[in-house]
Amino acid sequence: MKMKTTGSAGGFCVHNKTVGDITAADIKGLLNQKMNEGYAYTTVKKVYSLLNEYFKYLMQQEAITKNPMQSAPMIL
């Protein structure tokens, strides 16, 4: 699962999904993929934290109606 910049208003896509269509399952899949690729837990946790802040910001800006991070807890 890759995030990439697009020319759309959403700015980011995950597997060709706009940011408003990203689900908790997408987030969990991305985090699991990074762990399986051998990234350190602390690195994956940083990715999680950045995504969490990004989706909080989008909620504050009313760019999305649901924050997928609320249903994708970081496993300790």
N, C-alpha and C. Protein backbone atom coordinates (compact mmCIF):
# COMPACT_ATOMS: atom_id res chain seq x y z
N MET A 1 0.86 -1.17 0.00
CA MET A 1 0.00 0.00 0.00
C MET A 1 0.90 1.23 0.00
N LYS A 2 0.71 2.12 -0.93
CA LYS A 2 1.55 3.30 -1.03
C LYS A 2 0.69 4.55 -0.99
N MET A 3 1.23 5.58 -0.35
CA MET A 3 0.58 6.88 -0.40
C MET A 3 1.32 7.69 -1.44
N LYS A 4 0.59 8.35 -2.29
CA LYS A 4 1.23 9.18 -3.30
C LYS A 4 0.47 10.48 -3.46
N THR A 5 1.18 11.49 -3.87
CA THR A 5 0.55 12.79 -4.08
C THR A 5 -0.15 12.79 -5.43
N THR A 6 -1.29 13.43 -5.48
CA THR A 6 -2.02 13.56 -6.74
C THR A 6 -2.37 15.02 -6.95
N GLY A 7 -2.91 15.31 -8.08
CA GLY A 7 -3.34 16.67 -8.36
C GLY A 7 -4.73 16.97 -7.82
N SER A 8 -5.37 15.98 -7.21
CA SER A 8 -6.73 16.18 -6.73
C SER A 8 -6.74 17.00 -5.45
N ALA A 9 -7.92 17.44 -5.07
CA ALA A 9 -8.07 18.25 -3.86
C ALA A 9 -7.68 17.48 -2.61
N GLY A 10 -7.85 16.14 -2.62
CA GLY A 10 -7.51 15.33 -1.47
C GLY A 10 -6.02 15.31 -1.18
N GLY A 11 -5.20 15.35 -2.23
CA GLY A 11 -3.76 15.41 -2.04
C GLY A 11 -3.07 14.07 -1.96
N PHE A 12 -3.66 13.08 -1.32
CA PHE A 12 -3.02 11.79 -1.17
C PHE A 12 -3.96 10.67 -1.58
N CYS A 13 -3.37 9.58 -2.05
CA CYS A 13 -4.13 8.39 -2.39
C CYS A 13 -3.47 7.18 -1.77
N VAL A 14 -4.26 6.23 -1.37
CA VAL A 14 -3.77 4.92 -0.95
C VAL A 14 -4.44 3.93 -1.88
N HIS A 15 -3.62 3.23 -2.66
CA HIS A 15 -4.17 2.30 -3.66
C HIS A 15 -5.26 2.96 -4.49
N ASN A 16 -4.98 4.11 -4.97
CA ASN A 16 -5.90 4.89 -5.81
C ASN A 16 -7.17 5.31 -5.09
N LYS A 17 -7.15 5.36 -3.77
CA LYS A 17 -8.28 5.87 -3.00
C LYS A 17 -7.99 7.31 -2.62
N THR A 18 -9.00 8.14 -2.69
CA THR A 18 -8.83 9.49 -2.19
C THR A 18 -8.86 9.44 -0.66
N VAL A 19 -8.38 10.45 -0.04
CA VAL A 19 -8.21 10.44 1.41
C VAL A 19 -9.54 10.19 2.14
N GLY A 20 -10.63 10.66 1.62
CA GLY A 20 -11.93 10.45 2.25
C GLY A 20 -12.44 9.03 2.16
N ASP A 21 -11.84 8.22 1.29
CA ASP A 21 -12.26 6.84 1.11
C ASP A 21 -11.36 5.84 1.84
N ILE A 22 -10.32 6.33 2.50
CA ILE A 22 -9.40 5.44 3.22
C ILE A 22 -10.09 4.93 4.47
N THR A 23 -9.98 3.62 4.68
CA THR A 23 -10.65 2.98 5.82
C THR A 23 -9.62 2.56 6.88
N ALA A 24 -10.15 2.16 8.03
CA ALA A 24 -9.28 1.64 9.09
C ALA A 24 -8.55 0.40 8.59
N ALA A 25 -9.21 -0.42 7.78
CA ALA A 25 -8.56 -1.62 7.22
C ALA A 25 -7.37 -1.24 6.34
N ASP A 26 -7.49 -0.14 5.60
CA ASP A 26 -6.37 0.33 4.78
C ASP A 26 -5.19 0.73 5.65
N ILE A 27 -5.48 1.43 6.74
CA ILE A 27 -4.43 1.88 7.67
C ILE A 27 -3.76 0.68 8.31
N LYS A 28 -4.57 -0.25 8.80
CA LYS A 28 -4.02 -1.46 9.43
C LYS A 28 -3.16 -2.24 8.44
N GLY A 29 -3.63 -2.34 7.20
CA GLY A 29 -2.87 -3.04 6.17
C GLY A 29 -1.54 -2.38 5.90
N LEU A 30 -1.53 -1.05 5.83
CA LEU A 30 -0.30 -0.31 5.61
C LEU A 30 0.69 -0.54 6.75
N LEU A 31 0.22 -0.45 7.99
CA LEU A 31 1.09 -0.63 9.14
C LEU A 31 1.62 -2.06 9.22
N ASN A 32 0.75 -3.03 8.96
CA ASN A 32 1.18 -4.44 8.97
C ASN A 32 2.20 -4.69 7.86
N GLN A 33 1.98 -4.10 6.70
CA GLN A 33 2.90 -4.27 5.59
C GLN A 33 4.28 -3.76 5.97
N LYS A 34 4.35 -2.60 6.59
CA LYS A 34 5.63 -2.02 6.98
C LYS A 34 6.33 -2.89 8.03
N MET A 35 5.57 -3.43 8.98
CA MET A 35 6.15 -4.33 9.97
C MET A 35 6.70 -5.58 9.29
N ASN A 36 5.94 -6.14 8.35
CA ASN A 36 6.37 -7.35 7.64
C ASN A 36 7.56 -7.09 6.73
N GLU A 37 7.73 -5.85 6.30
CA GLU A 37 8.89 -5.49 5.47
C GLU A 37 10.14 -5.29 6.32
N GLY A 38 10.00 -5.40 7.63
CA GLY A 38 11.15 -5.32 8.51
C GLY A 38 11.43 -3.96 9.11
N TYR A 39 10.51 -3.03 8.92
CA TYR A 39 10.71 -1.72 9.56
C TYR A 39 10.60 -1.88 11.07
N ALA A 40 11.38 -1.10 11.80
CA ALA A 40 11.36 -1.14 13.26
C ALA A 40 10.01 -0.67 13.77
N TYR A 41 9.63 -1.22 14.92
CA TYR A 41 8.37 -0.83 15.54
C TYR A 41 8.30 0.68 15.73
N THR A 42 9.40 1.28 16.16
CA THR A 42 9.40 2.73 16.40
C THR A 42 9.16 3.51 15.11
N THR A 43 9.65 3.01 14.01
CA THR A 43 9.42 3.66 12.71
C THR A 43 7.95 3.57 12.32
N VAL A 44 7.38 2.39 12.48
CA VAL A 44 5.96 2.19 12.15
C VAL A 44 5.09 3.04 13.07
N LYS A 45 5.49 3.15 14.33
CA LYS A 45 4.74 3.98 15.28
C LYS A 45 4.78 5.45 14.86
N LYS A 46 5.91 5.90 14.33
CA LYS A 46 6.02 7.28 13.84
C LYS A 46 5.08 7.50 12.66
N VAL A 47 5.03 6.52 11.76
CA VAL A 47 4.10 6.60 10.62
C VAL A 47 2.67 6.70 11.14
N TYR A 48 2.34 5.86 12.12
CA TYR A 48 1.02 5.88 12.72
C TYR A 48 0.71 7.26 13.31
N SER A 49 1.66 7.82 14.06
CA SER A 49 1.46 9.13 14.68
C SER A 49 1.25 10.22 13.65
N LEU A 50 2.04 10.19 12.59
CA LEU A 50 1.89 11.19 11.52
C LEU A 50 0.53 11.08 10.84
N LEU A 51 0.13 9.85 10.54
CA LEU A 51 -1.19 9.65 9.92
C LEU A 51 -2.30 10.10 10.85
N ASN A 52 -2.16 9.81 12.13
CA ASN A 52 -3.16 10.22 13.12
C ASN A 52 -3.31 11.73 13.14
N GLU A 53 -2.20 12.44 13.17
CA GLU A 53 -2.25 13.91 13.17
C GLU A 53 -2.85 14.44 11.86
N TYR A 54 -2.48 13.81 10.75
CA TYR A 54 -2.99 14.23 9.44
C TYR A 54 -4.51 14.09 9.38
N PHE A 55 -5.02 12.94 9.82
CA PHE A 55 -6.47 12.73 9.76
C PHE A 55 -7.21 13.61 10.77
N LYS A 56 -6.60 13.90 11.92
CA LYS A 56 -7.20 14.85 12.87
C LYS A 56 -7.32 16.23 12.22
N TYR A 57 -6.26 16.64 11.54
CA TYR A 57 -6.28 17.93 10.85
C TYR A 57 -7.38 17.96 9.79
N LEU A 58 -7.49 16.89 9.02
CA LEU A 58 -8.53 16.84 7.99
C LEU A 58 -9.93 16.93 8.60
N MET A 59 -10.12 16.31 9.76
CA MET A 59 -11.41 16.41 10.45
C MET A 59 -11.67 17.85 10.88
N GLN A 60 -10.65 18.51 11.43
CA GLN A 60 -10.80 19.90 11.88
C GLN A 60 -11.14 20.81 10.70
N GLN A 61 -10.57 20.51 9.55
CA GLN A 61 -10.81 21.32 8.36
C GLN A 61 -12.09 20.91 7.63
N GLU A 62 -12.79 19.92 8.17
CA GLU A 62 -14.02 19.38 7.60
C GLU A 62 -13.81 18.86 6.18
N ALA A 63 -12.60 18.34 5.93
CA ALA A 63 -12.28 17.75 4.63
C ALA A 63 -12.75 16.31 4.56
N ILE A 64 -12.92 15.66 5.73
CA ILE A 64 -13.44 14.31 5.81
C ILE A 64 -14.48 14.26 6.91
N THR A 65 -15.36 13.27 6.84
CA THR A 65 -16.43 13.17 7.84
C THR A 65 -16.15 12.10 8.89
N LYS A 66 -15.21 11.19 8.60
CA LYS A 66 -14.88 10.13 9.55
C LYS A 66 -13.38 9.93 9.56
N ASN A 67 -12.83 9.80 10.76
CA ASN A 67 -11.39 9.60 10.92
C ASN A 67 -11.11 8.09 11.02
N PRO A 68 -10.48 7.49 10.00
CA PRO A 68 -10.23 6.05 10.04
C PRO A 68 -9.26 5.63 11.14
N MET A 69 -8.48 6.57 11.64
CA MET A 69 -7.50 6.25 12.68
C MET A 69 -8.19 5.88 13.99
N GLN A 70 -9.41 6.33 14.20
CA GLN A 70 -10.13 6.01 15.43
C GLN A 70 -10.41 4.52 15.55
N SER A 71 -10.46 3.83 14.41
CA SER A 71 -10.73 2.39 14.41
C SER A 71 -9.48 1.59 14.06
N ALA A 72 -8.32 2.21 14.11
CA ALA A 72 -7.06 1.54 13.78
C ALA A 72 -6.03 1.80 14.88
N PRO A 73 -6.23 1.20 16.05
CA PRO A 73 -5.29 1.45 17.15
C PRO A 73 -3.91 0.87 16.86
N MET A 74 -2.90 1.52 17.40
CA MET A 74 -1.53 1.03 17.26
C MET A 74 -1.34 -0.07 18.30
N ILE A 75 -0.98 -1.25 17.85
CA ILE A 75 -0.79 -2.38 18.76
C ILE A 75 0.58 -2.25 19.41
N LEU A 76 0.59 -2.39 20.72
CA LEU A 76 1.85 -2.27 21.47
C LEU A 76 2.66 -3.52 21.40
